[in-house]
């Protein structure tokens, strides 16, 4: 099974994310992407299992049954949904490359938050 990047941008090791929960792999292993574009897309064919009300995180499940977490930014839950526009709903089937969330990554940065797109498996 292939997992594609959920965002265009530079990748960095999960250990380099400025949040111990992710960098210490407490949620699982993964990768981070410093986004260059606003659209976050599905890295797999599967189903949206959870959409956080703030739009900063989504749970996905692949057709093979593997669960993934997409977390957008560090501590961005504090933005209470500002700068996130989620275009999918829980239970929705998605294809790799299909848009999930529009993330105003520059505005997030300007608000004082890191905008890493974190993908955990």
PDB file of N, CA and C in Angstrom:
ATOM      1  N   UNK A   1       0.840  -1.172   0.000  1.00  0.00           N
ATOM      2  CA  UNK A   1       0.000   0.000   0.000  1.00  0.00           C
ATOM      3  C   UNK A   1       0.891   1.243   0.000  1.00  0.00           C
ATOM      4  N   UNK A   2       0.497   2.232  -0.783  1.00  0.00           N
ATOM      5  CA  UNK A   2       1.239   3.477  -0.858  1.00  0.00           C
ATOM      6  C   UNK A   2       0.476   4.572  -0.126  1.00  0.00           C
ATOM      7  N   UNK A   3       1.231   5.399   0.581  1.00  0.00           N
ATOM      8  CA  UNK A   3       0.686   6.582   1.229  1.00  0.00           C
ATOM      9  C   UNK A   3       1.374   7.774   0.578  1.00  0.00           C
ATOM     10  N   UNK A   4       0.583   8.661   0.014  1.00  0.00           N
ATOM     11  CA  UNK A   4       1.124   9.826  -0.672  1.00  0.00           C
ATOM     12  C   UNK A   4       1.132  11.043   0.247  1.00  0.00           C
ATOM     13  N   UNK A   5       1.865  12.057  -0.126  1.00  0.00           N
ATOM     14  CA  UNK A   5       1.934  13.274   0.668  1.00  0.00           C
ATOM     15  C   UNK A   5       0.584  13.987   0.658  1.00  0.00           C
ATOM     16  N   UNK A   6       0.131  14.431   1.831  1.00  0.00           N
ATOM     17  CA  UNK A   6      -1.132  15.160   1.897  1.00  0.00           C
ATOM     18  C   UNK A   6      -0.993  16.643   1.534  1.00  0.00           C
ATOM     19  N   UNK A   7       0.255  17.087   1.331  1.00  0.00           N
ATOM     20  CA  UNK A   7       0.470  18.501   1.032  1.00  0.00           C
ATOM     21  C   UNK A   7       1.734  18.679   0.194  1.00  0.00           C
ATOM     22  N   UNK A   8       1.716  19.715  -0.637  1.00  0.00           N
ATOM     23  CA  UNK A   8       2.921  20.097  -1.366  1.00  0.00           C
ATOM     24  C   UNK A   8       3.814  20.863  -0.399  1.00  0.00           C
ATOM     25  N   UNK A   9       5.096  20.545  -0.408  1.00  0.00           N
ATOM     26  CA  UNK A   9       6.024  21.250   0.468  1.00  0.00           C
ATOM     27  C   UNK A   9       7.222  20.399   0.832  1.00  0.00           C
ATOM     28  N   UNK A  10       8.038  20.943   1.691  1.00  0.00           N
ATOM     29  CA  UNK A  10       9.254  20.258   2.146  1.00  0.00           C
ATOM     30  C   UNK A  10       8.903  19.293   3.284  1.00  0.00           C
ATOM     31  N   UNK A  11       9.448  18.085   3.203  1.00  0.00           N
ATOM     32  CA  UNK A  11       9.219  17.117   4.276  1.00  0.00           C
ATOM     33  C   UNK A  11      10.262  17.295   5.369  1.00  0.00           C
ATOM     34  N   UNK A  12       9.879  16.873   6.543  1.00  0.00           N
ATOM     35  CA  UNK A  12      10.843  16.820   7.646  1.00  0.00           C
ATOM     36  C   UNK A  12      10.498  15.627   8.520  1.00  0.00           C
ATOM     37  N   UNK A  13      11.476  15.170   9.247  1.00  0.00           N
ATOM     38  CA  UNK A  13      11.290  14.006  10.110  1.00  0.00           C
ATOM     39  C   UNK A  13      10.316  14.341  11.230  1.00  0.00           C
ATOM     40  N   UNK A  14       9.553  13.346  11.625  1.00  0.00           N
ATOM     41  CA  UNK A  14       8.592  13.522  12.711  1.00  0.00           C
ATOM     42  C   UNK A  14       9.301  13.971  13.992  1.00  0.00           C
ATOM     43  N   UNK A  15      10.528  13.529  14.163  1.00  0.00           N
ATOM     44  CA  UNK A  15      11.305  13.908  15.350  1.00  0.00           C
ATOM     45  C   UNK A  15      11.620  15.402  15.388  1.00  0.00           C
ATOM     46  N   UNK A  16      11.477  16.091  14.264  1.00  0.00           N
ATOM     47  CA  UNK A  16      11.773  17.524  14.184  1.00  0.00           C
ATOM     48  C   UNK A  16      10.551  18.400  14.447  1.00  0.00           C
ATOM     49  N   UNK A  17       9.376  17.800  14.627  1.00  0.00           N
ATOM     50  CA  UNK A  17       8.167  18.569  14.919  1.00  0.00           C
ATOM     51  C   UNK A  17       8.289  19.150  16.331  1.00  0.00           C
ATOM     52  N   UNK A  18       7.912  20.407  16.472  1.00  0.00           N
ATOM     53  CA  UNK A  18       8.073  21.114  17.740  1.00  0.00           C
ATOM     54  C   UNK A  18       6.900  20.832  18.691  1.00  0.00           C
ATOM     55  N   UNK A  19       6.669  19.556  18.945  1.00  0.00           N
ATOM     56  CA  UNK A  19       5.632  19.103  19.870  1.00  0.00           C
ATOM     57  C   UNK A  19       6.020  17.693  20.289  1.00  0.00           C
ATOM     58  N   UNK A  20       6.231  17.509  21.582  1.00  0.00           N
ATOM     59  CA  UNK A  20       6.710  16.213  22.090  1.00  0.00           C
ATOM     60  C   UNK A  20       5.770  15.059  21.773  1.00  0.00           C
ATOM     61  N   UNK A  21       4.482  15.316  21.756  1.00  0.00           N
ATOM     62  CA  UNK A  21       3.522  14.241  21.471  1.00  0.00           C
ATOM     63  C   UNK A  21       3.840  13.611  20.107  1.00  0.00           C
ATOM     64  N   UNK A  22       4.194  14.441  19.140  1.00  0.00           N
ATOM     65  CA  UNK A  22       4.518  13.945  17.801  1.00  0.00           C
ATOM     66  C   UNK A  22       5.986  13.554  17.680  1.00  0.00           C
ATOM     67  N   UNK A  23       6.894  14.412  18.147  1.00  0.00           N
ATOM     68  CA  UNK A  23       8.329  14.150  17.966  1.00  0.00           C
ATOM     69  C   UNK A  23       8.790  12.918  18.740  1.00  0.00           C
ATOM     70  N   UNK A  24       8.124  12.598  19.840  1.00  0.00           N
ATOM     71  CA  UNK A  24       8.466  11.409  20.633  1.00  0.00           C
ATOM     72  C   UNK A  24       7.650  10.197  20.187  1.00  0.00           C
ATOM     73  N   UNK A  25       6.858  10.376  19.133  1.00  0.00           N
ATOM     74  CA  UNK A  25       6.055   9.312  18.518  1.00  0.00           C
ATOM     75  C   UNK A  25       5.023   8.705  19.472  1.00  0.00           C
ATOM     76  N   UNK A  26       4.496   9.529  20.377  1.00  0.00           N
ATOM     77  CA  UNK A  26       3.483   9.052  21.321  1.00  0.00           C
ATOM     78  C   UNK A  26       2.179   8.683  20.610  1.00  0.00           C
ATOM     79  N   UNK A  27       1.920   9.300  19.457  1.00  0.00           N
ATOM     80  CA  UNK A  27       0.715   9.018  18.682  1.00  0.00           C
ATOM     81  C   UNK A  27       0.990   8.005  17.582  1.00  0.00           C
ATOM     82  N   UNK A  28       2.256   7.669  17.378  1.00  0.00           N
ATOM     83  CA  UNK A  28       2.664   6.775  16.303  1.00  0.00           C
ATOM     84  C   UNK A  28       3.754   7.414  15.468  1.00  0.00           C
ATOM     85  N   UNK A  29       4.217   6.689  14.478  1.00  0.00           N
ATOM     86  CA  UNK A  29       5.283   7.183  13.610  1.00  0.00           C
ATOM     87  C   UNK A  29       4.664   7.938  12.437  1.00  0.00           C
ATOM     88  N   UNK A  30       5.472   8.714  11.770  1.00  0.00           N
ATOM     89  CA  UNK A  30       4.946   9.445  10.630  1.00  0.00           C
ATOM     90  C   UNK A  30       5.958  10.395  10.033  1.00  0.00           C
ATOM     91  N   UNK A  31       5.428  11.456   9.468  1.00  0.00           N
ATOM     92  CA  UNK A  31       6.235  12.451   8.772  1.00  0.00           C
ATOM     93  C   UNK A  31       5.520  13.793   8.886  1.00  0.00           C
ATOM     94  N   UNK A  32       6.271  14.865   8.662  1.00  0.00           N
ATOM     95  CA  UNK A  32       5.670  16.200   8.637  1.00  0.00           C
ATOM     96  C   UNK A  32       6.040  16.888   7.327  1.00  0.00           C
ATOM     97  N   UNK A  33       5.165  17.751   6.891  1.00  0.00           N
ATOM     98  CA  UNK A  33       5.390  18.521   5.675  1.00  0.00           C
ATOM     99  C   UNK A  33       5.180  19.988   6.017  1.00  0.00           C
ATOM    100  N   UNK A  34       6.126  20.845   5.613  1.00  0.00           N
ATOM    101  CA  UNK A  34       5.943  22.284   5.743  1.00  0.00           C
ATOM    102  C   UNK A  34       5.226  22.704   4.463  1.00  0.00           C
ATOM    103  N   UNK A  35       3.942  23.081   4.582  1.00  0.00           N
ATOM    104  CA  UNK A  35       3.120  23.280   3.385  1.00  0.00           C
ATOM    105  C   UNK A  35       3.493  24.524   2.580  1.00  0.00           C
ATOM    106  N   UNK A  36       3.343  24.377   1.260  1.00  0.00           N
ATOM    107  CA  UNK A  36       3.556  25.498   0.336  1.00  0.00           C
ATOM    108  C   UNK A  36       2.250  25.935  -0.311  1.00  0.00           C
ATOM    109  N   UNK A  37       1.226  25.113  -0.180  1.00  0.00           N
ATOM    110  CA  UNK A  37      -0.082  25.412  -0.752  1.00  0.00           C
ATOM    111  C   UNK A  37      -1.147  25.226   0.322  1.00  0.00           C
ATOM    112  N   UNK A  38      -2.311  25.790   0.082  1.00  0.00           N
ATOM    113  CA  UNK A  38      -3.368  25.762   1.096  1.00  0.00           C
ATOM    114  C   UNK A  38      -4.164  24.466   1.153  1.00  0.00           C
ATOM    115  N   UNK A  39      -4.234  23.710   0.063  1.00  0.00           N
ATOM    116  CA  UNK A  39      -5.082  22.519   0.068  1.00  0.00           C
ATOM    117  C   UNK A  39      -4.349  21.306   0.619  1.00  0.00           C
ATOM    118  N   UNK A  40      -4.986  20.653   1.586  1.00  0.00           N
ATOM    119  CA  UNK A  40      -4.515  19.400   2.148  1.00  0.00           C
ATOM    120  C   UNK A  40      -5.382  18.322   1.513  1.00  0.00           C
ATOM    121  N   UNK A  41      -4.738  17.294   0.952  1.00  0.00           N
ATOM    122  CA  UNK A  41      -5.462  16.273   0.198  1.00  0.00           C
ATOM    123  C   UNK A  41      -5.314  14.909   0.859  1.00  0.00           C
ATOM    124  N   UNK A  42      -6.177  14.010   0.468  1.00  0.00           N
ATOM    125  CA  UNK A  42      -6.125  12.668   1.020  1.00  0.00           C
ATOM    126  C   UNK A  42      -4.870  11.945   0.537  1.00  0.00           C
ATOM    127  N   UNK A  43      -4.109  11.378   1.457  1.00  0.00           N
ATOM    128  CA  UNK A  43      -2.910  10.640   1.077  1.00  0.00           C
ATOM    129  C   UNK A  43      -3.203   9.210   0.624  1.00  0.00           C
ATOM    130  N   UNK A  44      -4.475   8.788   0.734  1.00  0.00           N
ATOM    131  CA  UNK A  44      -4.861   7.403   0.429  1.00  0.00           C
ATOM    132  C   UNK A  44      -6.297   7.346  -0.097  1.00  0.00           C
ATOM    133  N   UNK A  45      -6.651   6.202  -0.649  1.00  0.00           N
ATOM    134  CA  UNK A  45      -8.050   5.881  -0.904  1.00  0.00           C
ATOM    135  C   UNK A  45      -8.603   5.322   0.403  1.00  0.00           C
ATOM    136  N   UNK A  46      -9.717   5.821   0.853  1.00  0.00           N
ATOM    137  CA  UNK A  46     -10.264   5.306   2.105  1.00  0.00           C
ATOM    138  C   UNK A  46     -11.499   6.050   2.551  1.00  0.00           C
ATOM    139  N   UNK A  47     -11.667   6.130   3.865  1.00  0.00           N
ATOM    140  CA  UNK A  47     -12.848   6.735   4.465  1.00  0.00           C
ATOM    141  C   UNK A  47     -12.425   7.724   5.538  1.00  0.00           C
ATOM    142  N   UNK A  48     -13.147   8.828   5.628  1.00  0.00           N
ATOM    143  CA  UNK A  48     -12.932   9.804   6.694  1.00  0.00           C
ATOM    144  C   UNK A  48     -13.603   9.237   7.946  1.00  0.00           C
ATOM    145  N   UNK A  49     -12.800   8.935   8.946  1.00  0.00           N
ATOM    146  CA  UNK A  49     -13.329   8.333  10.171  1.00  0.00           C
ATOM    147  C   UNK A  49     -13.691   9.378  11.233  1.00  0.00           C
ATOM    148  N   UNK A  50     -12.991  10.516  11.197  1.00  0.00           N
ATOM    149  CA  UNK A  50     -13.252  11.576  12.174  1.00  0.00           C
ATOM    150  C   UNK A  50     -12.831  12.912  11.588  1.00  0.00           C
ATOM    151  N   UNK A  51     -13.624  13.935  11.908  1.00  0.00           N
ATOM    152  CA  UNK A  51     -13.276  15.305  11.565  1.00  0.00           C
ATOM    153  C   UNK A  51     -13.421  16.109  12.850  1.00  0.00           C
ATOM    154  N   UNK A  52     -12.324  16.675  13.315  1.00  0.00           N
ATOM    155  CA  UNK A  52     -12.398  17.482  14.521  1.00  0.00           C
ATOM    156  C   UNK A  52     -13.201  18.749  14.216  1.00  0.00           C
ATOM    157  N   UNK A  53     -14.042  19.196  15.142  1.00  0.00           N
ATOM    158  CA  UNK A  53     -14.889  20.367  14.892  1.00  0.00           C
ATOM    159  C   UNK A  53     -14.103  21.617  14.490  1.00  0.00           C
ATOM    160  N   UNK A  54     -12.863  21.711  14.928  1.00  0.00           N
ATOM    161  CA  UNK A  54     -12.022  22.864  14.611  1.00  0.00           C
ATOM    162  C   UNK A  54     -11.384  22.761  13.232  1.00  0.00           C
ATOM    163  N   UNK A  55     -11.496  21.606  12.571  1.00  0.00           N
ATOM    164  CA  UNK A  55     -10.942  21.415  11.242  1.00  0.00           C
ATOM    165  C   UNK A  55      -9.447  21.203  11.199  1.00  0.00           C
ATOM    166  N   UNK A  56      -8.794  21.173  12.356  1.00  0.00           N
ATOM    167  CA  UNK A  56      -7.335  21.061  12.386  1.00  0.00           C
ATOM    168  C   UNK A  56      -6.835  19.611  12.371  1.00  0.00           C
ATOM    169  N   UNK A  57      -7.729  18.650  12.400  1.00  0.00           N
ATOM    170  CA  UNK A  57      -7.301  17.244  12.418  1.00  0.00           C
ATOM    171  C   UNK A  57      -8.396  16.352  11.838  1.00  0.00           C
ATOM    172  N   UNK A  58      -7.928  15.280  11.181  1.00  0.00           N
ATOM    173  CA  UNK A  58      -8.840  14.297  10.584  1.00  0.00           C
ATOM    174  C   UNK A  58      -8.285  12.902  10.810  1.00  0.00           C
ATOM    175  N   UNK A  59      -9.186  11.957  10.979  1.00  0.00           N
ATOM    176  CA  UNK A  59      -8.814  10.555  11.015  1.00  0.00           C
ATOM    177  C   UNK A  59      -9.260   9.898   9.721  1.00  0.00           C
ATOM    178  N   UNK A  60      -8.384   9.114   9.125  1.00  0.00           N
ATOM    179  CA  UNK A  60      -8.693   8.399   7.887  1.00  0.00           C
ATOM    180  C   UNK A  60      -8.448   6.914   8.101  1.00  0.00           C
ATOM    181  N   UNK A  61      -9.139   6.103   7.333  1.00  0.00           N
ATOM    182  CA  UNK A  61      -8.918   4.657   7.345  1.00  0.00           C
ATOM    183  C   UNK A  61      -8.788   4.210   5.899  1.00  0.00           C
ATOM    184  N   UNK A  62      -7.683   3.527   5.596  1.00  0.00           N
ATOM    185  CA  UNK A  62      -7.447   3.075   4.230  1.00  0.00           C
ATOM    186  C   UNK A  62      -8.362   1.912   3.892  1.00  0.00           C
ATOM    187  N   UNK A  63      -8.434   1.613   2.615  1.00  0.00           N
ATOM    188  CA  UNK A  63      -9.229   0.459   2.181  1.00  0.00           C
ATOM    189  C   UNK A  63      -8.695  -0.838   2.777  1.00  0.00           C
ATOM    190  N   UNK A  64      -7.398  -0.845   3.161  1.00  0.00           N
ATOM    191  CA  UNK A  64      -6.793  -2.025   3.778  1.00  0.00           C
ATOM    192  C   UNK A  64      -6.997  -2.057   5.291  1.00  0.00           C
ATOM    193  N   UNK A  65      -7.630  -1.017   5.849  1.00  0.00           N
ATOM    194  CA  UNK A  65      -7.922  -0.992   7.279  1.00  0.00           C
ATOM    195  C   UNK A  65      -6.887  -0.280   8.130  1.00  0.00           C
ATOM    196  N   UNK A  66      -5.922   0.380   7.525  1.00  0.00           N
ATOM    197  CA  UNK A  66      -4.897   1.102   8.280  1.00  0.00           C
ATOM    198  C   UNK A  66      -5.419   2.491   8.638  1.00  0.00           C
ATOM    199  N   UNK A  67      -5.266   2.859   9.913  1.00  0.00           N
ATOM    200  CA  UNK A  67      -5.748   4.153  10.376  1.00  0.00           C
ATOM    201  C   UNK A  67      -4.638   5.191  10.328  1.00  0.00           C
ATOM    202  N   UNK A  68      -4.991   6.392   9.875  1.00  0.00           N
ATOM    203  CA  UNK A  68      -4.059   7.505   9.758  1.00  0.00           C
ATOM    204  C   UNK A  68      -4.645   8.719  10.463  1.00  0.00           C
ATOM    205  N   UNK A  69      -3.758   9.545  10.993  1.00  0.00           N
ATOM    206  CA  UNK A  69      -4.155  10.816  11.577  1.00  0.00           C
ATOM    207  C   UNK A  69      -3.470  11.921  10.799  1.00  0.00           C
ATOM    208  N   UNK A  70      -4.238  12.904  10.381  1.00  0.00           N
ATOM    209  CA  UNK A  70      -3.699  14.122   9.769  1.00  0.00           C
ATOM    210  C   UNK A  70      -3.909  15.238  10.779  1.00  0.00           C
ATOM    211  N   UNK A  71      -2.826  15.803  11.276  1.00  0.00           N
ATOM    212  CA  UNK A  71      -2.897  16.900  12.241  1.00  0.00           C
ATOM    213  C   UNK A  71      -2.281  18.122  11.587  1.00  0.00           C
ATOM    214  N   UNK A  72      -3.032  19.197  11.501  1.00  0.00           N
ATOM    215  CA  UNK A  72      -2.610  20.382  10.763  1.00  0.00           C
ATOM    216  C   UNK A  72      -2.140  21.475  11.713  1.00  0.00           C
ATOM    217  N   UNK A  73      -0.831  21.619  11.790  1.00  0.00           N
ATOM    218  CA  UNK A  73      -0.230  22.620  12.653  1.00  0.00           C
ATOM    219  C   UNK A  73       0.048  22.079  14.048  1.00  0.00           C
ATOM    220  N   UNK A  74       0.742  22.902  14.819  1.00  0.00           N
ATOM    221  CA  UNK A  74       1.089  22.563  16.205  1.00  0.00           C
ATOM    222  C   UNK A  74       0.315  23.504  17.125  1.00  0.00           C
ATOM    223  N   UNK A  75      -0.464  22.935  18.025  1.00  0.00           N
ATOM    224  CA  UNK A  75      -1.317  23.672  18.961  1.00  0.00           C
ATOM    225  C   UNK A  75      -2.402  24.495  18.264  1.00  0.00           C
ATOM    226  N   UNK A  76      -2.706  24.176  17.020  1.00  0.00           N
ATOM    227  CA  UNK A  76      -3.690  24.950  16.255  1.00  0.00           C
ATOM    228  C   UNK A  76      -5.131  24.717  16.714  1.00  0.00           C
ATOM    229  N   UNK A  77      -5.351  23.759  17.598  1.00  0.00           N
ATOM    230  CA  UNK A  77      -6.679  23.595  18.190  1.00  0.00           C
ATOM    231  C   UNK A  77      -7.075  24.900  18.875  1.00  0.00           C
ATOM    232  N   UNK A  78      -6.070  25.645  19.361  1.00  0.00           N
ATOM    233  CA  UNK A  78      -6.316  26.917  20.043  1.00  0.00           C
ATOM    234  C   UNK A  78      -6.910  27.978  19.110  1.00  0.00           C
ATOM    235  N   UNK A  79      -6.788  27.782  17.806  1.00  0.00           N
ATOM    236  CA  UNK A  79      -7.351  28.734  16.846  1.00  0.00           C
ATOM    237  C   UNK A  79      -8.868  28.568  16.693  1.00  0.00           C
ATOM    238  N   UNK A  80      -9.406  27.501  17.284  1.00  0.00           N
ATOM    239  CA  UNK A  80     -10.847  27.241  17.300  1.00  0.00           C
ATOM    240  C   UNK A  80     -11.482  27.282  15.906  1.00  0.00           C
ATOM    241  N   UNK A  81     -10.764  26.699  14.939  1.00  0.00           N
ATOM    242  CA  UNK A  81     -11.307  26.593  13.589  1.00  0.00           C
ATOM    243  C   UNK A  81     -10.903  27.711  12.644  1.00  0.00           C
ATOM    244  N   UNK A  82     -10.357  28.790  13.187  1.00  0.00           N
ATOM    245  CA  UNK A  82      -9.888  29.883  12.330  1.00  0.00           C
ATOM    246  C   UNK A  82      -8.822  29.366  11.376  1.00  0.00           C
ATOM    247  N   UNK A  83      -8.895  29.732  10.129  1.00  0.00           N
ATOM    248  CA  UNK A  83      -7.909  29.409   9.095  1.00  0.00           C
ATOM    249  C   UNK A  83      -8.012  27.976   8.566  1.00  0.00           C
ATOM    250  N   UNK A  84      -9.083  27.268   8.912  1.00  0.00           N
ATOM    251  CA  UNK A  84      -9.310  25.915   8.401  1.00  0.00           C
ATOM    252  C   UNK A  84     -10.703  25.841   7.779  1.00  0.00           C
ATOM    253  N   UNK A  85     -10.794  25.252   6.586  1.00  0.00           N
ATOM    254  CA  UNK A  85     -12.077  25.039   5.934  1.00  0.00           C
ATOM    255  C   UNK A  85     -12.126  23.579   5.481  1.00  0.00           C
ATOM    256  N   UNK A  86     -12.739  22.752   6.305  1.00  0.00           N
ATOM    257  CA  UNK A  86     -12.836  21.322   6.009  1.00  0.00           C
ATOM    258  C   UNK A  86     -13.963  21.089   5.004  1.00  0.00           C
ATOM    259  N   UNK A  87     -13.673  20.331   3.944  1.00  0.00           N
ATOM    260  CA  UNK A  87     -14.662  20.112   2.880  1.00  0.00           C
ATOM    261  C   UNK A  87     -15.129  18.652   2.814  1.00  0.00           C
ATOM    262  N   UNK A  88     -14.818  17.856   3.842  1.00  0.00           N
ATOM    263  CA  UNK A  88     -15.286  16.472   3.915  1.00  0.00           C
ATOM    264  C   UNK A  88     -15.999  16.258   5.237  1.00  0.00           C
ATOM    265  N   UNK A  89     -16.753  15.162   5.318  1.00  0.00           N
ATOM    266  CA  UNK A  89     -17.481  14.835   6.534  1.00  0.00           C
ATOM    267  C   UNK A  89     -17.171  13.404   6.957  1.00  0.00           C
ATOM    268  N   UNK A  90     -17.415  13.132   8.221  1.00  0.00           N
ATOM    269  CA  UNK A  90     -17.207  11.792   8.752  1.00  0.00           C
ATOM    270  C   UNK A  90     -18.030  10.797   7.949  1.00  0.00           C
ATOM    271  N   UNK A  91     -17.408   9.677   7.608  1.00  0.00           N
ATOM    272  CA  UNK A  91     -18.069   8.620   6.858  1.00  0.00           C
ATOM    273  C   UNK A  91     -17.919   8.745   5.350  1.00  0.00           C
ATOM    274  N   UNK A  92     -17.406   9.871   4.894  1.00  0.00           N
ATOM    275  CA  UNK A  92     -17.240  10.097   3.456  1.00  0.00           C
ATOM    276  C   UNK A  92     -16.094   9.270   2.897  1.00  0.00           C
ATOM    277  N   UNK A  93     -16.316   8.673   1.744  1.00  0.00           N
ATOM    278  CA  UNK A  93     -15.265   7.948   1.020  1.00  0.00           C
ATOM    279  C   UNK A  93     -14.437   8.973   0.251  1.00  0.00           C
ATOM    280  N   UNK A  94     -13.115   8.801   0.271  1.00  0.00           N
ATOM    281  CA  UNK A  94     -12.221   9.723  -0.435  1.00  0.00           C
ATOM    282  C   UNK A  94     -11.208   8.940  -1.261  1.00  0.00           C
ATOM    283  N   UNK A  95     -10.731   9.592  -2.298  1.00  0.00           N
ATOM    284  CA  UNK A  95      -9.685   9.033  -3.153  1.00  0.00           C
ATOM    285  C   UNK A  95      -8.400   9.802  -2.923  1.00  0.00           C
ATOM    286  N   UNK A  96      -7.270   9.152  -3.154  1.00  0.00           N
ATOM    287  CA  UNK A  96      -5.978   9.796  -3.021  1.00  0.00           C
ATOM    288  C   UNK A  96      -5.954  11.057  -3.890  1.00  0.00           C
ATOM    289  N   UNK A  97      -5.533  12.164  -3.291  1.00  0.00           N
ATOM    290  CA  UNK A  97      -5.450  13.430  -3.997  1.00  0.00           C
ATOM    291  C   UNK A  97      -6.688  14.293  -3.892  1.00  0.00           C
ATOM    292  N   UNK A  98      -7.765  13.744  -3.341  1.00  0.00           N
ATOM    293  CA  UNK A  98      -9.005  14.511  -3.187  1.00  0.00           C
ATOM    294  C   UNK A  98      -8.844  15.533  -2.056  1.00  0.00           C
ATOM    295  N   UNK A  99      -9.289  16.786  -2.262  1.00  0.00           N
ATOM    296  CA  UNK A  99      -9.164  17.812  -1.220  1.00  0.00           C
ATOM    297  C   UNK A  99      -9.923  17.435   0.053  1.00  0.00           C
ATOM    298  N   UNK A 100      -9.276  17.703   1.202  1.00  0.00           N
ATOM    299  CA  UNK A 100      -9.874  17.452   2.509  1.00  0.00           C
ATOM    300  C   UNK A 100     -10.127  18.757   3.262  1.00  0.00           C
ATOM    301  N   UNK A 101      -9.078  19.577   3.327  1.00  0.00           N
ATOM    302  CA  UNK A 101      -9.122  20.808   4.124  1.00  0.00           C
ATOM    303  C   UNK A 101      -8.359  21.909   3.398  1.00  0.00           C
ATOM    304  N   UNK A 102      -8.933  23.096   3.421  1.00  0.00           N
ATOM    305  CA  UNK A 102      -8.188  24.270   2.975  1.00  0.00           C
ATOM    306  C   UNK A 102      -7.610  24.889   4.241  1.00  0.00           C
ATOM    307  N   UNK A 103      -6.292  24.991   4.278  1.00  0.00           N
ATOM    308  CA  UNK A 103      -5.563  25.448   5.458  1.00  0.00           C
ATOM    309  C   UNK A 103      -4.808  26.722   5.085  1.00  0.00           C
ATOM    310  N   UNK A 104      -5.169  27.832   5.698  1.00  0.00           N
ATOM    311  CA  UNK A 104      -4.495  29.108   5.424  1.00  0.00           C
ATOM    312  C   UNK A 104      -3.175  29.119   6.188  1.00  0.00           C
ATOM    313  N   UNK A 105      -2.205  28.367   5.671  1.00  0.00           N
ATOM    314  CA  UNK A 105      -0.960  28.124   6.410  1.00  0.00           C
ATOM    315  C   UNK A 105      -0.181  29.400   6.709  1.00  0.00           C
ATOM    316  N   UNK A 106      -0.236  30.395   5.824  1.00  0.00           N
ATOM    317  CA  UNK A 106       0.475  31.660   6.087  1.00  0.00           C
ATOM    318  C   UNK A 106      -0.175  32.399   7.256  1.00  0.00           C
ATOM    319  N   UNK A 107      -1.493  32.417   7.310  1.00  0.00           N
ATOM    320  CA  UNK A 107      -2.200  33.093   8.403  1.00  0.00           C
ATOM    321  C   UNK A 107      -1.963  32.370   9.726  1.00  0.00           C
ATOM    322  N   UNK A 108      -1.857  31.053   9.664  1.00  0.00           N
ATOM    323  CA  UNK A 108      -1.559  30.272  10.867  1.00  0.00           C
ATOM    324  C   UNK A 108      -0.186  30.674  11.397  1.00  0.00           C
ATOM    325  N   UNK A 109       0.791  30.766  10.500  1.00  0.00           N
ATOM    326  CA  UNK A 109       2.140  31.194  10.863  1.00  0.00           C
ATOM    327  C   UNK A 109       2.120  32.612  11.456  1.00  0.00           C
ATOM    328  N   UNK A 110       1.381  33.511  10.782  1.00  0.00           N
ATOM    329  CA  UNK A 110       1.274  34.893  11.257  1.00  0.00           C
ATOM    330  C   UNK A 110       0.592  34.977  12.626  1.00  0.00           C
ATOM    331  N   UNK A 111      -0.226  33.999  12.962  1.00  0.00           N
ATOM    332  CA  UNK A 111      -0.898  33.947  14.264  1.00  0.00           C
ATOM    333  C   UNK A 111       0.012  33.380  15.353  1.00  0.00           C
ATOM    334  N   UNK A 112       1.234  32.980  14.974  1.00  0.00           N
ATOM    335  CA  UNK A 112       2.201  32.504  15.963  1.00  0.00           C
ATOM    336  C   UNK A 112       2.260  30.999  16.134  1.00  0.00           C
ATOM    337  N   UNK A 113       1.667  30.264  15.208  1.00  0.00           N
ATOM    338  CA  UNK A 113       1.649  28.808  15.300  1.00  0.00           C
ATOM    339  C   UNK A 113       2.488  28.191  14.186  1.00  0.00           C
ATOM    340  N   UNK A 114       3.039  27.029  14.459  1.00  0.00           N
ATOM    341  CA  UNK A 114       3.741  26.288  13.407  1.00  0.00           C
ATOM    342  C   UNK A 114       2.692  25.610  12.548  1.00  0.00           C
ATOM    343  N   UNK A 115       2.959  25.557  11.236  1.00  0.00           N
ATOM    344  CA  UNK A 115       1.943  25.071  10.307  1.00  0.00           C
ATOM    345  C   UNK A 115       2.267  23.693   9.714  1.00  0.00           C
ATOM    346  N   UNK A 116       3.095  22.916  10.377  1.00  0.00           N
ATOM    347  CA  UNK A 116       3.429  21.587   9.874  1.00  0.00           C
ATOM    348  C   UNK A 116       2.169  20.758   9.640  1.00  0.00           C
ATOM    349  N   UNK A 117       2.139  20.055   8.503  1.00  0.00           N
ATOM    350  CA  UNK A 117       1.093  19.086   8.231  1.00  0.00           C
ATOM    351  C   UNK A 117       1.667  17.748   8.684  1.00  0.00           C
ATOM    352  N   UNK A 118       1.099  17.177   9.720  1.00  0.00           N
ATOM    353  CA  UNK A 118       1.649  15.974  10.349  1.00  0.00           C
ATOM    354  C   UNK A 118       0.776  14.783   9.967  1.00  0.00           C
ATOM    355  N   UNK A 119       1.434  13.752   9.438  1.00  0.00           N
ATOM    356  CA  UNK A 119       0.753  12.521   9.037  1.00  0.00           C
ATOM    357  C   UNK A 119       1.272  11.385   9.893  1.00  0.00           C
ATOM    358  N   UNK A 120       0.384  10.795  10.677  1.00  0.00           N
ATOM    359  CA  UNK A 120       0.737   9.716  11.607  1.00  0.00           C
ATOM    360  C   UNK A 120       0.036   8.431  11.179  1.00  0.00           C
ATOM    361  N   UNK A 121       0.779   7.323  11.246  1.00  0.00           N
ATOM    362  CA  UNK A 121       0.160   6.025  10.936  1.00  0.00           C
ATOM    363  C   UNK A 121       0.373   5.068  12.084  1.00  0.00           C
TER     364      UNK A 121
END
